[in-house]
Amino acid sequence: MTTVDQGAPSAGLILSLNSGSSSLKISLYRRSTELLLEDTPDADPVTLLLTAAISSISFDEPTFSFSVIDKSAIAPNTRTVKDEPVPTVKDHASAFSHFLDYLKDEASIDRKEIVHVCHRIVHGGDYYKPVIVNDESYHYIERLSDLAPLHNGAALSVIEACIQTLPDARSIAYFDTTFHHDIPKHIRSCAISPEIAQKKGLRKYGFHGLSYAYIMRAVARQLEKVHQMSIQSF
């Protein structure tokens, strides 16, 4: 797989992909404003347009759901579906392809409008910040598949599908392990041979970090306290 990142434009649609072991959850956003987050920490920089999900992937009866959130931004006759059988979906890549086709056919949104694709990755190993997907980062995530066999492989297949079908969009990987990267060494270490642990990458990484980060931001907003989190833009 070869990727060339030439920089995606700041304007356009933003796709969020969450690849589970047998599901693919999707959200589509539009940048709502050019406000600087540090000046307006309570502002939402994006507007949610729609959500979709494909469930029971690799099972006998995968299903597809599609729901419009911002009706003013989507074609008025866009069809909402819930748990519609999709026998053509065989894996995560074909699930993503089904979504793109539905997006164009029903919502009249062309895939070329998507400029950023944000991928949730369960295991990031030594990656402590989001990374742009290129050859180096792709193969590093691939090597971590033994540590998250049900999730990293599914996410990689969707990343590859994105690179093939959305060649002008920038794919960015966000990791569940990032939130916990500063766990003290005496806590994250496993009670096994240090040599084996280091060679195999065996340690306590901490997971569900993206959810925890969201919860902290939401609670900080509710309490009207600015949560100091580093914001990395690409």
C-alpha atoms as a PDB file:
ATOM      1  CA  MET A   1       0.000   0.000   0.000  1.00  0.00           C
ATOM      2  CA  THR A   2       1.369   3.399  -0.980  1.00  0.00           C
ATOM      3  CA  THR A   3       0.052   6.672   0.389  1.00  0.00           C
ATOM      4  CA  VAL A   4       1.052  10.195  -0.533  1.00  0.00           C
ATOM      5  CA  ASP A   5      -0.152  12.967   1.754  1.00  0.00           C
ATOM      6  CA  GLN A   6      -0.239  16.256  -0.108  1.00  0.00           C
ATOM      7  CA  GLY A   7      -2.300  18.094   2.472  1.00  0.00           C
ATOM      8  CA  ALA A   8      -6.069  18.285   2.439  1.00  0.00           C
ATOM      9  CA  PRO A   9      -7.931  21.604   2.303  1.00  0.00           C
ATOM     10  CA  SER A  10      -9.374  23.052   5.508  1.00  0.00           C
ATOM     11  CA  ALA A  11     -12.865  23.438   4.008  1.00  0.00           C
ATOM     12  CA  GLY A  12     -15.013  20.417   3.249  1.00  0.00           C
ATOM     13  CA  LEU A  13     -16.629  17.442   4.942  1.00  0.00           C
ATOM     14  CA  ILE A  14     -15.106  15.433   7.762  1.00  0.00           C
ATOM     15  CA  LEU A  15     -15.807  11.718   8.069  1.00  0.00           C
ATOM     16  CA  SER A  16     -15.458   9.876  11.381  1.00  0.00           C
ATOM     17  CA  LEU A  17     -15.103   6.080  11.218  1.00  0.00           C
ATOM     18  CA  ASN A  18     -15.265   3.687  14.149  1.00  0.00           C
ATOM     19  CA  SER A  19     -14.406   0.142  13.081  1.00  0.00           C
ATOM     20  CA  GLY A  20     -15.531  -2.493  15.559  1.00  0.00           C
ATOM     21  CA  SER A  21     -14.900  -6.207  15.349  1.00  0.00           C
ATOM     22  CA  SER A  22     -18.188  -6.727  13.465  1.00  0.00           C
ATOM     23  CA  SER A  23     -19.487  -3.206  12.938  1.00  0.00           C
ATOM     24  CA  LEU A  24     -18.699   0.109  11.280  1.00  0.00           C
ATOM     25  CA  LYS A  25     -20.089   3.293  12.816  1.00  0.00           C
ATOM     26  CA  ILE A  26     -19.943   6.472  10.750  1.00  0.00           C
ATOM     27  CA  SER A  27     -20.547  10.176  11.355  1.00  0.00           C
ATOM     28  CA  LEU A  28     -20.298  12.954   8.783  1.00  0.00           C
ATOM     29  CA  TYR A  29     -19.507  16.528   9.812  1.00  0.00           C
ATOM     30  CA  ARG A  30     -19.089  19.915   8.201  1.00  0.00           C
ATOM     31  CA  ARG A  31     -16.699  22.497   9.613  1.00  0.00           C
ATOM     32  CA  SER A  32     -19.091  24.994  11.154  1.00  0.00           C
ATOM     33  CA  THR A  33     -16.796  27.929  11.732  1.00  0.00           C
ATOM     34  CA  GLU A  34     -13.226  29.131  11.551  1.00  0.00           C
ATOM     35  CA  LEU A  35     -13.287  30.103  15.233  1.00  0.00           C
ATOM     36  CA  LEU A  36     -10.065  29.486  17.101  1.00  0.00           C
ATOM     37  CA  LEU A  37     -10.646  26.896  19.797  1.00  0.00           C
ATOM     38  CA  GLU A  38      -8.284  28.569  22.224  1.00  0.00           C
ATOM     39  CA  ASP A  39     -10.326  31.787  21.991  1.00  0.00           C
ATOM     40  CA  THR A  40     -13.746  30.101  22.146  1.00  0.00           C
ATOM     41  CA  PRO A  41     -13.272  26.813  24.025  1.00  0.00           C
ATOM     42  CA  ASP A  42     -17.048  26.184  24.266  1.00  0.00           C
ATOM     43  CA  ALA A  43     -17.661  26.488  20.523  1.00  0.00           C
ATOM     44  CA  ASP A  44     -18.331  23.409  18.413  1.00  0.00           C
ATOM     45  CA  PRO A  45     -15.919  23.555  15.467  1.00  0.00           C
ATOM     46  CA  VAL A  46     -18.007  21.103  13.435  1.00  0.00           C
ATOM     47  CA  THR A  47     -21.676  20.422  12.753  1.00  0.00           C
ATOM     48  CA  LEU A  48     -22.953  16.838  12.692  1.00  0.00           C
ATOM     49  CA  LEU A  49     -24.814  16.183   9.439  1.00  0.00           C
ATOM     50  CA  LEU A  50     -25.670  12.489   9.570  1.00  0.00           C
ATOM     51  CA  THR A  51     -24.828   9.139  11.100  1.00  0.00           C
ATOM     52  CA  ALA A  52     -24.741   5.618   9.743  1.00  0.00           C
ATOM     53  CA  ALA A  53     -23.900   2.137  10.962  1.00  0.00           C
ATOM     54  CA  ILE A  54     -23.385  -1.299   9.505  1.00  0.00           C
ATOM     55  CA  SER A  55     -23.824  -4.117  12.011  1.00  0.00           C
ATOM     56  CA  SER A  56     -23.234  -7.884  12.019  1.00  0.00           C
ATOM     57  CA  ILE A  57     -20.465  -7.631   9.427  1.00  0.00           C
ATOM     58  CA  SER A  58     -19.153 -11.092   8.456  1.00  0.00           C
ATOM     59  CA  PHE A  59     -22.353 -12.670   9.776  1.00  0.00           C
ATOM     60  CA  ASP A  60     -25.257 -14.048   7.759  1.00  0.00           C
ATOM     61  CA  GLU A  61     -27.441 -10.929   7.920  1.00  0.00           C
ATOM     62  CA  PRO A  62     -25.554  -7.612   8.103  1.00  0.00           C
ATOM     63  CA  THR A  63     -27.798  -4.566   8.507  1.00  0.00           C
ATOM     64  CA  PHE A  64     -27.493  -0.890   7.568  1.00  0.00           C
ATOM     65  CA  SER A  65     -28.843   2.196   9.344  1.00  0.00           C
ATOM     66  CA  PHE A  66     -28.726   5.789   8.109  1.00  0.00           C
ATOM     67  CA  SER A  67     -30.062   8.859   9.907  1.00  0.00           C
ATOM     68  CA  VAL A  68     -30.027  12.543   8.954  1.00  0.00           C
ATOM     69  CA  ILE A  69     -29.244  14.930  11.821  1.00  0.00           C
ATOM     70  CA  ASP A  70     -29.024  18.307  10.091  1.00  0.00           C
ATOM     71  CA  LYS A  71     -31.891  18.272   7.568  1.00  0.00           C
ATOM     72  CA  SER A  72     -31.047  21.765   6.328  1.00  0.00           C
ATOM     73  CA  ALA A  73     -27.711  20.550   4.955  1.00  0.00           C
ATOM     74  CA  ILE A  74     -28.861  17.290   3.338  1.00  0.00           C
ATOM     75  CA  ALA A  75     -31.033  16.629   0.299  1.00  0.00           C
ATOM     76  CA  PRO A  76     -34.673  16.921   1.496  1.00  0.00           C
ATOM     77  CA  ASN A  77     -35.808  13.520   0.253  1.00  0.00           C
ATOM     78  CA  THR A  78     -32.947  11.576   1.814  1.00  0.00           C
ATOM     79  CA  ARG A  79     -34.261   8.234   3.003  1.00  0.00           C
ATOM     80  CA  THR A  80     -33.678   7.261   6.622  1.00  0.00           C
ATOM     81  CA  VAL A  81     -33.324   3.535   7.261  1.00  0.00           C
ATOM     82  CA  LYS A  82     -32.901   1.376  10.345  1.00  0.00           C
ATOM     83  CA  ASP A  83     -31.515  -2.146  10.353  1.00  0.00           C
ATOM     84  CA  GLU A  84     -32.047  -2.630   6.629  1.00  0.00           C
ATOM     85  CA  PRO A  85     -30.581  -5.961   5.436  1.00  0.00           C
ATOM     86  CA  VAL A  86     -27.555  -5.535   3.153  1.00  0.00           C
ATOM     87  CA  PRO A  87     -26.550  -8.962   1.817  1.00  0.00           C
ATOM     88  CA  THR A  88     -23.858  -7.415  -0.425  1.00  0.00           C
ATOM     89  CA  VAL A  89     -21.795  -6.439   2.638  1.00  0.00           C
ATOM     90  CA  LYS A  90     -19.212  -9.160   3.323  1.00  0.00           C
ATOM     91  CA  ASP A  91     -16.509  -7.282   5.228  1.00  0.00           C
ATOM     92  CA  HIS A  92     -15.596  -3.816   6.524  1.00  0.00           C
ATOM     93  CA  ALA A  93     -14.344  -2.609   3.139  1.00  0.00           C
ATOM     94  CA  SER A  94     -17.619  -3.498   1.383  1.00  0.00           C
ATOM     95  CA  ALA A  95     -19.540  -1.953   4.298  1.00  0.00           C
ATOM     96  CA  PHE A  96     -17.708   1.328   3.737  1.00  0.00           C
ATOM     97  CA  SER A  97     -18.347   1.102  -0.005  1.00  0.00           C
ATOM     98  CA  HIS A  98     -22.077   0.612   0.661  1.00  0.00           C
ATOM     99  CA  PHE A  99     -22.120   3.758   2.796  1.00  0.00           C
ATOM    100  CA  LEU A 100     -20.413   5.859   0.115  1.00  0.00           C
ATOM    101  CA  ASP A 101     -22.877   4.671  -2.525  1.00  0.00           C
ATOM    102  CA  TYR A 102     -25.829   5.418  -0.252  1.00  0.00           C
ATOM    103  CA  LEU A 103     -24.371   8.841   0.576  1.00  0.00           C
ATOM    104  CA  LYS A 104     -24.340   9.756  -3.101  1.00  0.00           C
ATOM    105  CA  ASP A 105     -27.554   8.058  -4.212  1.00  0.00           C
ATOM    106  CA  GLU A 106     -29.765   9.123  -1.296  1.00  0.00           C
ATOM    107  CA  ALA A 107     -28.156  12.260   0.201  1.00  0.00           C
ATOM    108  CA  SER A 108     -26.680  13.622  -3.061  1.00  0.00           C
ATOM    109  CA  ILE A 109     -23.271  14.053  -1.420  1.00  0.00           C
ATOM    110  CA  ASP A 110     -20.303  13.242  -3.610  1.00  0.00           C
ATOM    111  CA  ARG A 111     -17.359  11.498  -1.985  1.00  0.00           C
ATOM    112  CA  LYS A 112     -15.038  14.193  -3.372  1.00  0.00           C
ATOM    113  CA  GLU A 113     -16.491  16.616  -0.812  1.00  0.00           C
ATOM    114  CA  ILE A 114     -14.837  14.595   1.975  1.00  0.00           C
ATOM    115  CA  VAL A 115     -11.426  16.090   2.779  1.00  0.00           C
ATOM    116  CA  HIS A 116     -10.598  14.533   6.168  1.00  0.00           C
ATOM    117  CA  VAL A 117     -11.236  10.997   7.432  1.00  0.00           C
ATOM    118  CA  CYS A 118     -10.739  10.360  11.152  1.00  0.00           C
ATOM    119  CA  HIS A 119     -10.224   6.706  12.079  1.00  0.00           C
ATOM    120  CA  ARG A 120     -10.663   5.348  15.583  1.00  0.00           C
ATOM    121  CA  ILE A 121      -7.901   2.783  16.202  1.00  0.00           C
ATOM    122  CA  VAL A 122      -7.992   0.623  19.324  1.00  0.00           C
ATOM    123  CA  HIS A 123      -4.243   0.049  19.677  1.00  0.00           C
ATOM    124  CA  GLY A 124      -1.644   2.692  18.975  1.00  0.00           C
ATOM    125  CA  GLY A 125       1.363   1.121  20.685  1.00  0.00           C
ATOM    126  CA  ASP A 126       3.948   3.863  21.151  1.00  0.00           C
ATOM    127  CA  TYR A 127       1.933   6.456  19.225  1.00  0.00           C
ATOM    128  CA  TYR A 128       0.844   9.029  21.783  1.00  0.00           C
ATOM    129  CA  LYS A 129      -0.701  11.529  19.385  1.00  0.00           C
ATOM    130  CA  PRO A 130      -2.937  11.281  16.306  1.00  0.00           C
ATOM    131  CA  VAL A 131      -0.950  10.541  13.155  1.00  0.00           C
ATOM    132  CA  ILE A 132      -1.532  11.104   9.469  1.00  0.00           C
ATOM    133  CA  VAL A 133      -1.776   7.745   7.748  1.00  0.00           C
ATOM    134  CA  ASN A 134       1.181   7.117   5.446  1.00  0.00           C
ATOM    135  CA  ASP A 135       3.259   4.052   4.653  1.00  0.00           C
ATOM    136  CA  GLU A 136       5.187   4.231   7.930  1.00  0.00           C
ATOM    137  CA  SER A 137       2.195   4.701  10.249  1.00  0.00           C
ATOM    138  CA  TYR A 138       0.053   2.187   8.341  1.00  0.00           C
ATOM    139  CA  HIS A 139       2.620  -0.586   8.694  1.00  0.00           C
ATOM    140  CA  TYR A 140       3.275   0.277  12.341  1.00  0.00           C
ATOM    141  CA  ILE A 141      -0.458  -0.064  13.125  1.00  0.00           C
ATOM    142  CA  GLU A 142      -0.437  -3.292  11.122  1.00  0.00           C
ATOM    143  CA  ARG A 143       2.322  -4.703  13.334  1.00  0.00           C
ATOM    144  CA  LEU A 144       0.139  -4.035  16.381  1.00  0.00           C
ATOM    145  CA  SER A 145      -2.649  -6.272  15.103  1.00  0.00           C
ATOM    146  CA  ASP A 146      -1.520  -9.162  17.319  1.00  0.00           C
ATOM    147  CA  LEU A 147      -2.263  -6.962  20.351  1.00  0.00           C
ATOM    148  CA  ALA A 148      -5.778  -6.062  19.099  1.00  0.00           C
ATOM    149  CA  PRO A 149      -6.659  -8.774  16.562  1.00  0.00           C
ATOM    150  CA  LEU A 150     -10.409  -8.085  16.445  1.00  0.00           C
ATOM    151  CA  HIS A 151     -10.095  -4.348  15.880  1.00  0.00           C
ATOM    152  CA  ASN A 152      -6.857  -3.114  14.314  1.00  0.00           C
ATOM    153  CA  GLY A 153      -7.220  -5.391  11.298  1.00  0.00           C
ATOM    154  CA  ALA A 154     -10.776  -4.183  10.653  1.00  0.00           C
ATOM    155  CA  ALA A 155      -9.692  -0.560  10.971  1.00  0.00           C
ATOM    156  CA  LEU A 156      -6.794  -1.095   8.563  1.00  0.00           C
ATOM    157  CA  SER A 157      -9.085  -2.571   5.932  1.00  0.00           C
ATOM    158  CA  VAL A 158     -11.262   0.547   6.145  1.00  0.00           C
ATOM    159  CA  ILE A 159      -8.194   2.802   5.995  1.00  0.00           C
ATOM    160  CA  GLU A 160      -7.062   1.042   2.842  1.00  0.00           C
ATOM    161  CA  ALA A 161     -10.539   1.378   1.349  1.00  0.00           C
ATOM    162  CA  CYS A 162     -10.468   5.105   2.150  1.00  0.00           C
ATOM    163  CA  ILE A 163      -7.117   5.568   0.442  1.00  0.00           C
ATOM    164  CA  GLN A 164      -8.403   3.802  -2.654  1.00  0.00           C
ATOM    165  CA  THR A 165     -11.829   5.457  -2.867  1.00  0.00           C
ATOM    166  CA  LEU A 166     -11.014   8.878  -1.361  1.00  0.00           C
ATOM    167  CA  PRO A 167      -7.528   9.530  -2.757  1.00  0.00           C
ATOM    168  CA  ASP A 168      -7.692  13.289  -2.180  1.00  0.00           C
ATOM    169  CA  ALA A 169      -8.814  13.051   1.450  1.00  0.00           C
ATOM    170  CA  ARG A 170      -6.407  12.953   4.369  1.00  0.00           C
ATOM    171  CA  SER A 171      -6.757   9.952   6.680  1.00  0.00           C
ATOM    172  CA  ILE A 172      -5.845  10.525  10.324  1.00  0.00           C
ATOM    173  CA  ALA A 173      -5.601   7.805  12.968  1.00  0.00           C
ATOM    174  CA  TYR A 174      -6.753   8.470  16.528  1.00  0.00           C
ATOM    175  CA  PHE A 175      -5.892   5.928  19.200  1.00  0.00           C
ATOM    176  CA  ASP A 176      -7.776   4.652  22.243  1.00  0.00           C
ATOM    177  CA  THR A 177      -4.427   4.163  23.968  1.00  0.00           C
ATOM    178  CA  THR A 178      -3.392   7.837  23.737  1.00  0.00           C
ATOM    179  CA  PHE A 179      -5.382   8.968  26.776  1.00  0.00           C
ATOM    180  CA  HIS A 180      -3.500   6.573  29.067  1.00  0.00           C
ATOM    181  CA  HIS A 181       0.002   6.962  27.635  1.00  0.00           C
ATOM    182  CA  ASP A 182       1.391   8.517  30.838  1.00  0.00           C
ATOM    183  CA  ILE A 183       0.480   5.598  33.121  1.00  0.00           C
ATOM    184  CA  PRO A 184       3.477   5.298  35.507  1.00  0.00           C
ATOM    185  CA  LYS A 185       5.949   2.580  34.596  1.00  0.00           C
ATOM    186  CA  HIS A 186       5.464   0.640  37.835  1.00  0.00           C
ATOM    187  CA  ILE A 187       1.727   0.404  37.070  1.00  0.00           C
ATOM    188  CA  ARG A 188       1.864  -0.322  33.351  1.00  0.00           C
ATOM    189  CA  SER A 189       4.474  -3.080  33.665  1.00  0.00           C
ATOM    190  CA  CYS A 190       3.373  -6.725  33.567  1.00  0.00           C
ATOM    191  CA  ALA A 191       4.635  -9.325  36.031  1.00  0.00           C
ATOM    192  CA  ILE A 192       6.597 -11.213  33.391  1.00  0.00           C
ATOM    193  CA  SER A 193      10.150 -11.213  32.079  1.00  0.00           C
ATOM    194  CA  PRO A 194      11.019  -7.596  31.124  1.00  0.00           C
ATOM    195  CA  GLU A 195      12.901  -8.856  28.056  1.00  0.00           C
ATOM    196  CA  ILE A 196       9.877 -10.756  26.754  1.00  0.00           C
ATOM    197  CA  ALA A 197       7.527  -7.874  27.579  1.00  0.00           C
ATOM    198  CA  GLN A 198       9.669  -5.359  25.715  1.00  0.00           C
ATOM    199  CA  LYS A 199      10.126  -7.619  22.692  1.00  0.00           C
ATOM    200  CA  LYS A 200       6.415  -8.401  22.401  1.00  0.00           C
ATOM    201  CA  GLY A 201       5.143  -4.961  23.425  1.00  0.00           C
ATOM    202  CA  LEU A 202       3.353  -6.423  26.429  1.00  0.00           C
ATOM    203  CA  ARG A 203       2.293  -3.815  28.992  1.00  0.00           C
ATOM    204  CA  LYS A 204      -0.860  -2.184  30.327  1.00  0.00           C
ATOM    205  CA  TYR A 205      -1.845   0.355  27.689  1.00  0.00           C
ATOM    206  CA  GLY A 206      -5.313   1.395  28.820  1.00  0.00           C
ATOM    207  CA  PHE A 207      -8.215   1.469  26.369  1.00  0.00           C
ATOM    208  CA  HIS A 208     -11.439   3.354  25.554  1.00  0.00           C
ATOM    209  CA  GLY A 209      -9.331   6.500  25.775  1.00  0.00           C
ATOM    210  CA  LEU A 210     -11.230   8.426  23.102  1.00  0.00           C
ATOM    211  CA  SER A 211     -14.429   7.983  25.116  1.00  0.00           C
ATOM    212  CA  TYR A 212     -12.706   9.091  28.309  1.00  0.00           C
ATOM    213  CA  ALA A 213     -11.320  12.172  26.587  1.00  0.00           C
ATOM    214  CA  TYR A 214     -14.801  13.076  25.335  1.00  0.00           C
ATOM    215  CA  ILE A 215     -16.303  12.580  28.807  1.00  0.00           C
ATOM    216  CA  MET A 216     -13.694  14.879  30.355  1.00  0.00           C
ATOM    217  CA  ARG A 217     -14.388  17.586  27.783  1.00  0.00           C
ATOM    218  CA  ALA A 218     -18.153  17.238  28.258  1.00  0.00           C
ATOM    219  CA  VAL A 219     -17.916  17.383  32.059  1.00  0.00           C
ATOM    220  CA  ALA A 220     -15.545  20.366  31.882  1.00  0.00           C
ATOM    221  CA  ARG A 221     -18.031  22.178  29.638  1.00  0.00           C
ATOM    222  CA  GLN A 222     -20.942  21.336  31.950  1.00  0.00           C
ATOM    223  CA  LEU A 223     -18.995  22.638  34.956  1.00  0.00           C
ATOM    224  CA  GLU A 224     -17.912  25.684  32.917  1.00  0.00           C
ATOM    225  CA  LYS A 225     -14.285  24.806  33.367  1.00  0.00           C
ATOM    226  CA  VAL A 226     -11.801  24.859  30.502  1.00  0.00           C
ATOM    227  CA  HIS A 227     -10.190  21.427  30.250  1.00  0.00           C
ATOM    228  CA  GLN A 228      -6.578  21.891  29.192  1.00  0.00           C
ATOM    229  CA  MET A 229      -6.048  19.313  26.490  1.00  0.00           C
ATOM    230  CA  SER A 230      -3.552  19.565  23.700  1.00  0.00           C
ATOM    231  CA  ILE A 231      -5.233  20.124  20.345  1.00  0.00           C
ATOM    232  CA  GLN A 232      -3.290  18.924  17.342  1.00  0.00           C
ATOM    233  CA  SER A 233      -4.406  20.066  13.931  1.00  0.00           C
ATOM    234  CA  PHE A 234      -3.375  18.656  10.587  1.00  0.00           C
END
